[in-house]
PDB file of N, CA and C in Angstrom:
ATOM      1  N   MET A   1       3.749 -12.581 -11.859  1.00  0.00           N
ATOM      2  CA  MET A   1       5.263 -12.459 -12.198  1.00  0.00           C
ATOM      3  C   MET A   1       5.869 -12.588 -10.191  1.00  0.00           C
ATOM      4  N   LYS A   2       6.830 -13.269 -10.150  1.00  0.00           N
ATOM      5  CA  LYS A   2       6.967 -13.232  -9.003  1.00  0.00           C
ATOM      6  C   LYS A   2       7.703 -12.634  -8.173  1.00  0.00           C
ATOM      7  N   ALA A   3       7.309 -12.626  -7.102  1.00  0.00           N
ATOM      8  CA  ALA A   3       8.093 -11.734  -6.041  1.00  0.00           C
ATOM      9  C   ALA A   3       9.184 -12.255  -5.721  1.00  0.00           C
ATOM     10  N   ARG A   4      10.567 -11.231  -5.925  1.00  0.00           N
ATOM     11  CA  ARG A   4      12.018 -11.236  -5.463  1.00  0.00           C
ATOM     12  C   ARG A   4      11.959 -10.689  -3.538  1.00  0.00           C
ATOM     13  N   LEU A   5      11.728 -11.645  -2.915  1.00  0.00           N
ATOM     14  CA  LEU A   5      11.680 -11.655  -1.484  1.00  0.00           C
ATOM     15  C   LEU A   5      13.313 -11.742  -0.577  1.00  0.00           C
ATOM     16  N   LYS A   6      13.352 -11.077   0.316  1.00  0.00           N
ATOM     17  CA  LYS A   6      14.900 -10.412   1.128  1.00  0.00           C
ATOM     18  C   LYS A   6      14.506 -10.541   2.511  1.00  0.00           C
ATOM     19  N   ARG A   7      14.971 -11.537   3.198  1.00  0.00           N
ATOM     20  CA  ARG A   7      14.547 -11.745   4.600  1.00  0.00           C
ATOM     21  C   ARG A   7      14.993  -9.965   5.640  1.00  0.00           C
ATOM     22  N   LYS A   8      13.803  -9.702   6.273  1.00  0.00           N
ATOM     23  CA  LYS A   8      14.875  -8.765   6.753  1.00  0.00           C
ATOM     24  C   LYS A   8      14.611  -8.721   8.418  1.00  0.00           C
ATOM     25  N   SER A   9      15.069  -8.063   9.178  1.00  0.00           N
ATOM     26  CA  SER A   9      15.007  -8.385  10.510  1.00  0.00           C
ATOM     27  C   SER A   9      14.835  -7.250  11.332  1.00  0.00           C
ATOM     28  N   PHE A  10      13.710  -6.357  11.823  1.00  0.00           N
ATOM     29  CA  PHE A  10      13.702  -5.267  12.274  1.00  0.00           C
ATOM     30  C   PHE A  10      12.204  -5.195  13.340  1.00  0.00           C
ATOM     31  N   PHE A  11      12.588  -3.995  14.278  1.00  0.00           N
ATOM     32  CA  PHE A  11      11.305  -4.180  15.080  1.00  0.00           C
ATOM     33  C   PHE A  11      10.363  -3.089  14.708  1.00  0.00           C
ATOM     34  N   VAL A  12       8.860  -4.143  15.120  1.00  0.00           N
ATOM     35  CA  VAL A  12       7.410  -3.524  15.351  1.00  0.00           C
ATOM     36  C   VAL A  12       6.571  -3.676  15.882  1.00  0.00           C
ATOM     37  N   ASP A  13       6.170  -2.461  16.234  1.00  0.00           N
ATOM     38  CA  ASP A  13       4.966  -2.401  17.378  1.00  0.00           C
ATOM     39  C   ASP A  13       3.884  -3.211  16.996  1.00  0.00           C
ATOM     40  N   GLU A  14       3.731  -4.133  17.806  1.00  0.00           N
ATOM     41  CA  GLU A  14       2.499  -5.190  17.954  1.00  0.00           C
ATOM     42  C   GLU A  14       1.630  -4.691  17.893  1.00  0.00           C
ATOM     43  N   THR A  15       0.843  -3.487  18.308  1.00  0.00           N
ATOM     44  CA  THR A  15      -0.738  -2.901  18.318  1.00  0.00           C
ATOM     45  C   THR A  15      -1.112  -2.208  16.897  1.00  0.00           C
ATOM     46  N   ASP A  16       0.263  -1.940  16.216  1.00  0.00           N
ATOM     47  CA  ASP A  16       0.174  -1.823  15.077  1.00  0.00           C
ATOM     48  C   ASP A  16      -0.054  -2.484  13.625  1.00  0.00           C
ATOM     49  N   LEU A  17       0.873  -3.820  14.060  1.00  0.00           N
ATOM     50  CA  LEU A  17       0.857  -4.656  12.951  1.00  0.00           C
ATOM     51  C   LEU A  17      -0.264  -5.331  12.999  1.00  0.00           C
ATOM     52  N   LYS A  18      -1.125  -5.451  14.743  1.00  0.00           N
ATOM     53  CA  LYS A  18      -2.661  -6.279  14.945  1.00  0.00           C
ATOM     54  C   LYS A  18      -2.816  -5.381  13.936  1.00  0.00           C
ATOM     55  N   ARG A  19      -3.282  -4.179  13.992  1.00  0.00           N
ATOM     56  CA  ARG A  19      -4.427  -3.115  13.246  1.00  0.00           C
ATOM     57  C   ARG A  19      -3.943  -2.982  11.758  1.00  0.00           C
ATOM     58  N   LEU A  20      -2.885  -3.412  11.453  1.00  0.00           N
ATOM     59  CA  LEU A  20      -2.824  -3.367   9.936  1.00  0.00           C
ATOM     60  C   LEU A  20      -3.372  -4.528   9.226  1.00  0.00           C
ATOM     61  N   ARG A  21      -3.000  -6.081   9.951  1.00  0.00           N
ATOM     62  CA  ARG A  21      -3.321  -7.345  10.026  1.00  0.00           C
ATOM     63  C   ARG A  21      -5.069  -7.360   9.386  1.00  0.00           C
ATOM     64  N   HIS A  22      -5.675  -6.818  10.349  1.00  0.00           N
ATOM     65  CA  HIS A  22      -7.046  -6.683  10.559  1.00  0.00           C
ATOM     66  C   HIS A  22      -7.561  -6.049   9.297  1.00  0.00           C
ATOM     67  N   GLU A  23      -7.071  -4.483   8.761  1.00  0.00           N
ATOM     68  CA  GLU A  23      -6.938  -3.600   7.489  1.00  0.00           C
ATOM     69  C   GLU A  23      -7.353  -4.299   6.028  1.00  0.00           C
ATOM     70  N   LEU A  24      -6.145  -4.662   6.651  1.00  0.00           N
ATOM     71  CA  LEU A  24      -5.785  -5.518   4.826  1.00  0.00           C
ATOM     72  C   LEU A  24      -6.290  -6.910   4.788  1.00  0.00           C
ATOM     73  N   GLY A  25      -6.439  -7.439   5.687  1.00  0.00           N
ATOM     74  CA  GLY A  25      -7.165  -8.772   5.387  1.00  0.00           C
ATOM     75  C   GLY A  25      -6.377 -10.093   5.678  1.00  0.00           C
ATOM     76  N   ALA A  26      -4.919  -9.584   5.858  1.00  0.00           N
ATOM     77  CA  ALA A  26      -3.823 -10.251   5.719  1.00  0.00           C
ATOM     78  C   ALA A  26      -4.036 -11.724   6.305  1.00  0.00           C
ATOM     79  N   ALA A  27      -3.632 -12.612   6.103  1.00  0.00           N
ATOM     80  CA  ALA A  27      -3.302 -14.320   7.319  1.00  0.00           C
ATOM     81  C   ALA A  27      -2.323 -13.795   8.085  1.00  0.00           C
ATOM     82  N   THR A  28      -1.225 -13.413   7.644  1.00  0.00           N
ATOM     83  CA  THR A  28       0.059 -13.186   8.411  1.00  0.00           C
ATOM     84  C   THR A  28       0.925 -12.151   8.794  1.00  0.00           C
ATOM     85  N   ASP A  29       1.397 -11.916   9.213  1.00  0.00           N
ATOM     86  CA  ASP A  29       2.607 -10.915   9.425  1.00  0.00           C
ATOM     87  C   ASP A  29       2.998 -10.430   8.159  1.00  0.00           C
ATOM     88  N   ALA A  30       3.775 -11.285   7.665  1.00  0.00           N
ATOM     89  CA  ALA A  30       4.366 -11.141   6.381  1.00  0.00           C
ATOM     90  C   ALA A  30       3.971 -10.460   5.390  1.00  0.00           C
ATOM     91  N   GLU A  31       2.438 -11.094   5.185  1.00  0.00           N
ATOM     92  CA  GLU A  31       1.580 -10.817   4.006  1.00  0.00           C
ATOM     93  C   GLU A  31       1.160  -9.327   4.594  1.00  0.00           C
ATOM     94  N   ALA A  32       0.952  -9.279   5.606  1.00  0.00           N
ATOM     95  CA  ALA A  32      -0.062  -7.575   5.918  1.00  0.00           C
ATOM     96  C   ALA A  32       1.578  -6.363   5.554  1.00  0.00           C
ATOM     97  N   VAL A  33       3.242  -7.190   6.188  1.00  0.00           N
ATOM     98  CA  VAL A  33       4.221  -5.996   5.713  1.00  0.00           C
ATOM     99  C   VAL A  33       4.103  -6.010   4.437  1.00  0.00           C
ATOM    100  N   ARG A  34       3.737  -7.191   3.857  1.00  0.00           N
ATOM    101  CA  ARG A  34       4.238  -6.665   1.968  1.00  0.00           C
ATOM    102  C   ARG A  34       3.758  -6.445   1.055  1.00  0.00           C
ATOM    103  N   GLU A  35       2.079  -6.092   1.900  1.00  0.00           N
ATOM    104  CA  GLU A  35       0.488  -5.550   1.249  1.00  0.00           C
ATOM    105  C   GLU A  35       1.574  -3.945   1.425  1.00  0.00           C
ATOM    106  N   ALA A  36       1.110  -3.414   2.476  1.00  0.00           N
ATOM    107  CA  ALA A  36       1.351  -2.286   3.335  1.00  0.00           C
ATOM    108  C   ALA A  36       2.503  -1.644   2.186  1.00  0.00           C
ATOM    109  N   ILE A  37       3.296  -2.213   1.893  1.00  0.00           N
ATOM    110  CA  ILE A  37       4.846  -1.868   1.442  1.00  0.00           C
ATOM    111  C   ILE A  37       4.555  -1.056  -0.395  1.00  0.00           C
ATOM    112  N   ARG A  38       3.957  -2.314  -0.543  1.00  0.00           N
ATOM    113  CA  ARG A  38       3.235  -2.348  -2.127  1.00  0.00           C
ATOM    114  C   ARG A  38       1.791  -1.332  -2.295  1.00  0.00           C
ATOM    115  N   GLU A  39       0.887  -0.759  -1.068  1.00  0.00           N
ATOM    116  CA  GLU A  39       0.029  -0.226  -1.029  1.00  0.00           C
ATOM    117  C   GLU A  39       0.142   1.497  -0.438  1.00  0.00           C
ATOM    118  N   VAL A  40       1.628   1.795   0.200  1.00  0.00           N
ATOM    119  CA  VAL A  40       2.116   3.124  -0.253  1.00  0.00           C
ATOM    120  C   VAL A  40       3.274   3.646  -1.150  1.00  0.00           C
ATOM    121  N   GLY A  41       3.565   2.464  -1.731  1.00  0.00           N
ATOM    122  CA  GLY A  41       3.736   2.650  -3.043  1.00  0.00           C
ATOM    123  C   GLY A  41       2.829   3.424  -4.076  1.00  0.00           C
ATOM    124  N   ARG A  42       2.049   2.514  -4.136  1.00  0.00           N
ATOM    125  CA  ARG A  42       0.596   2.916  -5.097  1.00  0.00           C
ATOM    126  C   ARG A  42       0.272   4.452  -4.452  1.00  0.00           C
ATOM    127  N   MET A  43       0.313   4.230  -3.338  1.00  0.00           N
ATOM    128  CA  MET A  43      -0.174   5.882  -3.043  1.00  0.00           C
ATOM    129  C   MET A  43       0.298   6.844  -3.300  1.00  0.00           C
ATOM    130  N   ARG A  44       1.529   6.919  -3.019  1.00  0.00           N
ATOM    131  CA  ARG A  44       2.588   8.087  -3.512  1.00  0.00           C
ATOM    132  C   ARG A  44       2.725   7.954  -4.899  1.00  0.00           C
ATOM    133  N   SER A  45       2.390   7.410  -5.357  1.00  0.00           N
ATOM    134  CA  SER A  45       2.354   7.825  -7.389  1.00  0.00           C
ATOM    135  C   SER A  45       0.867   8.385  -7.799  1.00  0.00           C
ATOM    136  N   LEU A  46       0.028   7.661  -6.933  1.00  0.00           N
ATOM    137  CA  LEU A  46      -1.845   8.649  -7.318  1.00  0.00           C
ATOM    138  C   LEU A  46      -1.065  10.027  -6.502  1.00  0.00           C
ATOM    139  N   TRP A  47      -0.671  10.084  -5.232  1.00  0.00           N
ATOM    140  CA  TRP A  47      -0.328  11.772  -5.346  1.00  0.00           C
ATOM    141  C   TRP A  47       0.335  12.601  -5.802  1.00  0.00           C
ATOM    142  N   ARG A  48       1.884  11.795  -6.415  1.00  0.00           N
ATOM    143  CA  ARG A  48       2.539  12.633  -7.466  1.00  0.00           C
ATOM    144  C   ARG A  48       1.344  12.888  -8.622  1.00  0.00           C
ATOM    145  N   PHE A  49       0.660  11.786  -8.990  1.00  0.00           N
ATOM    146  CA  PHE A  49      -0.010  12.391 -10.374  1.00  0.00           C
ATOM    147  C   PHE A  49      -1.291  12.663  -9.854  1.00  0.00           C
ATOM    148  N   MET A  50      -1.750  13.795  -9.082  1.00  0.00           N
ATOM    149  CA  MET A  50      -2.974  14.562  -8.456  1.00  0.00           C
ATOM    150  C   MET A  50      -2.346  15.951  -8.114  1.00  0.00           C
ATOM    151  N   GLN A  51      -0.719  15.825  -7.886  1.00  0.00           N
ATOM    152  CA  GLN A  51       0.102  16.930  -7.813  1.00  0.00           C
ATOM    153  C   GLN A  51       0.530  17.764  -9.454  1.00  0.00           C
ATOM    154  N   ARG A  52       0.800  16.923  -9.984  1.00  0.00           N
ATOM    155  CA  ARG A  52       1.097  17.152 -11.377  1.00  0.00           C
ATOM    156  C   ARG A  52      -0.507  17.463 -12.499  1.00  0.00           C
ATOM    157  N   SER A  53      -1.459  16.841 -12.128  1.00  0.00           N
ATOM    158  CA  SER A  53      -2.171  17.235 -12.844  1.00  0.00           C
ATOM    159  C   SER A  53      -3.468  18.012 -11.973  1.00  0.00           C
ATOM    160  N   GLY A  54      -2.462  19.344 -10.997  1.00  0.00           N
ATOM    161  CA  GLY A  54      -3.634  20.252 -10.647  1.00  0.00           C
ATOM    162  C   GLY A  54      -4.280  20.013  -9.777  1.00  0.00           C
ATOM    163  N   GLY A  55      -4.579  18.611  -8.868  1.00  0.00           N
ATOM    164  CA  GLY A  55      -5.684  17.435  -8.243  1.00  0.00           C
ATOM    165  C   GLY A  55      -7.061  17.428  -8.882  1.00  0.00           C
ATOM    166  N   SER A  56      -7.453  17.964 -10.409  1.00  0.00           N
ATOM    167  CA  SER A  56      -8.280  17.582 -10.994  1.00  0.00           C
ATOM    168  C   SER A  56      -8.055  16.792 -11.930  1.00  0.00           C
ATOM    169  N   LEU A  57      -9.065  16.226 -12.508  1.00  0.00           N
ATOM    170  CA  LEU A  57      -9.352  15.226 -13.539  1.00  0.00           C
ATOM    171  C   LEU A  57      -9.988  15.770 -14.525  1.00  0.00           C
ATOM    172  N   PRO A  58      -9.839  15.135 -15.815  1.00  0.00           N
ATOM    173  CA  PRO A  58     -11.206  15.466 -16.325  1.00  0.00           C
ATOM    174  C   PRO A  58     -12.563  14.081 -16.450  1.00  0.00           C
ATOM    175  N   LYS A  59     -13.615  14.567 -16.670  1.00  0.00           N
ATOM    176  CA  LYS A  59     -14.597  13.662 -16.656  1.00  0.00           C
ATOM    177  C   LYS A  59     -14.421  12.444 -17.198  1.00  0.00           C
ATOM    178  N   GLY A  60     -14.738  11.436 -16.459  1.00  0.00           N
ATOM    179  CA  GLY A  60     -14.475  10.086 -17.254  1.00  0.00           C
ATOM    180  C   GLY A  60     -12.956   9.472 -17.374  1.00  0.00           C
ATOM    181  N   SER A  61     -12.016  10.393 -16.774  1.00  0.00           N
ATOM    182  CA  SER A  61     -10.695   9.864 -16.879  1.00  0.00           C
ATOM    183  C   SER A  61     -10.592   8.431 -15.610  1.00  0.00           C
ATOM    184  N   PHE A  62     -11.425   8.676 -15.112  1.00  0.00           N
ATOM    185  CA  PHE A  62     -11.266   7.723 -13.319  1.00  0.00           C
ATOM    186  C   PHE A  62     -12.755   7.098 -13.035  1.00  0.00           C
ATOM    187  N   SER A  63     -12.013   6.004 -12.932  1.00  0.00           N
ATOM    188  CA  SER A  63     -13.415   4.698 -12.515  1.00  0.00           C
ATOM    189  C   SER A  63     -13.397   4.479 -11.372  1.00  0.00           C
ATOM    190  N   GLU A  64     -14.485   3.934 -10.573  1.00  0.00           N
ATOM    191  CA  GLU A  64     -14.419   3.488  -9.320  1.00  0.00           C
ATOM    192  C   GLU A  64     -14.050   2.147  -9.120  1.00  0.00           C
ATOM    193  N   PRO A  65     -14.045   1.819  -8.103  1.00  0.00           N
ATOM    194  CA  PRO A  65     -13.793   0.101  -8.303  1.00  0.00           C
ATOM    195  C   PRO A  65     -15.068  -0.477  -8.343  1.00  0.00           C
TER     196      PRO A  65
END
């Protein structure tokens, strides 16, 4: 699926961006920001799921990567 991209202009702390690029292994600043946005969405979804499930999962319902 091709992403719909929209140009944005905002201020970003250079130290945070450098650390983010390193942590994500991103080649560019833009790639790092896009991946960070996706990661936050995945984390929030997992957090909501964990809240709904009472913080416990049945054995075998989750596999390690």
